[in-house]
Amino acid sequence: MKRYLVVGGAGSLEVAPGVKLIDTPQFPAAYKPEASKGGEFLDLLREVHDLEWTFLSPSALFVAGERTGKFRLGGNELLTNEKGSRISFEDYAIALVDELESPAHVRQRFAVGY
């Protein structure tokens, strides 16, 4: 079986049951075209059964920072804490490599954030 790991976006993550981040008033209009395509691609992947795919979504703020190695993993919900929703590029990369080395989310989307 072949493996496919997608670096996705946060727009299709849910902020409440059935409500995606992209559909909230706070979501920047400039990012909607790209984010909507990412969500559509995820929906297509969910219909594929002969490929071991994984879709990794960052938090709402995906920024340069530091490598802490301390982050949370989630499913289809936007991860937030008292400081909002964010993840550094450096910690996102750790989550990505961890998934490559030890697949834990086959045919799933998962999220990473603090």
Protein backbone atom coordinates (compact mmCIF):
# COMPACT_ATOMS: atom_id res chain seq x y z
CA MET A 1 0.00 0.00 0.00
CA LYS A 2 1.27 3.49 -0.83
CA ARG A 3 1.44 6.31 1.68
CA TYR A 4 0.54 9.98 1.14
CA LEU A 5 1.02 12.70 3.76
CA VAL A 6 -0.64 16.07 3.12
CA VAL A 7 0.40 19.35 4.72
CA GLY A 8 -3.05 20.87 5.05
CA GLY A 9 -4.52 24.04 6.45
CA ALA A 10 -6.70 25.00 9.40
CA GLY A 11 -9.71 26.34 7.48
CA SER A 12 -11.58 23.04 7.40
CA LEU A 13 -11.14 22.40 11.15
CA GLU A 14 -14.31 22.69 13.22
CA VAL A 15 -14.69 25.45 15.82
CA ALA A 16 -18.07 24.05 16.93
CA PRO A 17 -20.01 20.96 15.82
CA GLY A 18 -20.62 21.38 12.09
CA VAL A 19 -19.01 24.85 11.94
CA LYS A 20 -15.69 25.15 10.11
CA LEU A 21 -13.14 27.85 10.85
CA ILE A 22 -13.38 29.05 7.23
CA ASP A 23 -17.09 29.80 7.76
CA THR A 24 -16.56 32.13 10.72
CA PRO A 25 -16.51 35.94 10.37
CA GLN A 26 -12.94 36.05 11.74
CA PHE A 27 -11.50 33.98 8.88
CA PRO A 28 -9.51 36.29 6.55
CA ALA A 29 -11.16 36.64 3.13
CA ALA A 30 -7.76 36.62 1.41
CA TYR A 31 -7.19 33.00 2.52
CA LYS A 32 -10.65 31.63 1.70
CA PRO A 33 -9.95 30.47 -1.89
CA GLU A 34 -6.92 28.39 -0.89
CA ALA A 35 -8.52 27.14 2.33
CA SER A 36 -11.70 26.05 0.57
CA LYS A 37 -9.66 24.03 -1.94
CA GLY A 38 -7.80 22.36 0.93
CA GLY A 39 -11.11 21.36 2.50
CA GLU A 40 -12.37 20.01 -0.82
CA PHE A 41 -9.19 17.97 -1.22
CA LEU A 42 -9.62 16.51 2.27
CA ASP A 43 -13.18 15.50 1.35
CA LEU A 44 -11.84 13.73 -1.76
CA LEU A 45 -9.20 11.91 0.28
CA ARG A 46 -11.88 10.64 2.64
CA GLU A 47 -13.37 8.74 -0.31
CA VAL A 48 -10.07 7.01 -1.20
CA HIS A 49 -9.69 3.54 0.28
CA ASP A 50 -6.65 2.17 -1.54
CA LEU A 51 -4.18 4.76 -0.27
CA GLU A 52 -2.78 5.26 3.23
CA TRP A 53 -3.26 9.02 3.39
CA THR A 54 -2.87 11.41 6.31
CA PHE A 55 -3.83 15.11 6.36
CA LEU A 56 -2.09 17.29 8.98
CA SER A 57 -3.72 20.62 9.88
CA PRO A 58 -1.95 23.36 11.82
CA SER A 59 -3.58 25.73 14.28
CA ALA A 60 -5.11 29.01 13.10
CA LEU A 61 -1.81 30.84 13.57
CA PHE A 62 0.98 28.94 11.89
CA VAL A 63 4.11 31.00 12.48
CA ALA A 64 7.86 30.96 12.91
CA GLY A 65 8.81 30.42 16.52
CA GLU A 66 10.80 27.96 18.47
CA ARG A 67 11.01 24.21 18.71
CA THR A 68 9.55 23.22 22.07
CA GLY A 69 8.50 19.64 21.39
CA LYS A 70 5.49 20.36 23.62
CA PHE A 71 2.25 20.44 21.67
CA ARG A 72 -1.09 18.68 21.50
CA LEU A 73 -2.58 16.53 18.78
CA GLY A 74 -6.25 16.57 17.94
CA GLY A 75 -8.70 15.38 15.34
CA ASN A 76 -11.06 17.53 13.29
CA GLU A 77 -11.42 20.31 15.85
CA LEU A 78 -9.35 23.49 15.96
CA LEU A 79 -6.99 23.24 18.93
CA THR A 80 -7.05 26.30 21.18
CA ASN A 81 -5.82 27.31 24.60
CA GLU A 82 -5.87 30.47 26.72
CA LYS A 83 -3.53 32.14 24.19
CA GLY A 84 -5.67 31.28 21.17
CA SER A 85 -4.84 28.82 18.41
CA ARG A 86 -1.23 28.62 17.28
CA ILE A 87 1.68 26.35 16.42
CA SER A 88 5.21 27.14 15.33
CA PHE A 89 6.63 25.87 12.05
CA GLU A 90 9.27 24.09 14.10
CA ASP A 91 6.82 22.11 16.27
CA TYR A 92 4.55 21.41 13.30
CA ALA A 93 7.58 19.83 11.61
CA ILE A 94 8.13 17.57 14.63
CA ALA A 95 4.52 16.35 14.44
CA LEU A 96 4.92 15.74 10.70
CA VAL A 97 8.12 13.72 11.09
CA ASP A 98 6.64 11.78 14.03
CA GLU A 99 3.73 10.77 11.79
CA LEU A 100 6.11 9.73 9.01
CA GLU A 101 8.18 7.61 11.35
CA SER A 102 5.29 6.12 13.35
CA PRO A 103 1.98 6.35 11.47
CA ALA A 104 -0.84 6.92 13.93
CA HIS A 105 -3.41 8.70 11.73
CA VAL A 106 -3.85 6.55 8.63
CA ARG A 107 -6.84 7.66 6.51
CA GLN A 108 -7.42 10.49 8.95
CA ARG A 109 -6.88 14.17 9.40
CA PHE A 110 -5.22 15.29 12.60
CA ALA A 111 -4.40 18.70 14.00
CA VAL A 112 -1.45 20.04 15.94
CA GLY A 113 -1.39 23.01 18.33
CA TYR A 114 -0.46 24.25 21.75
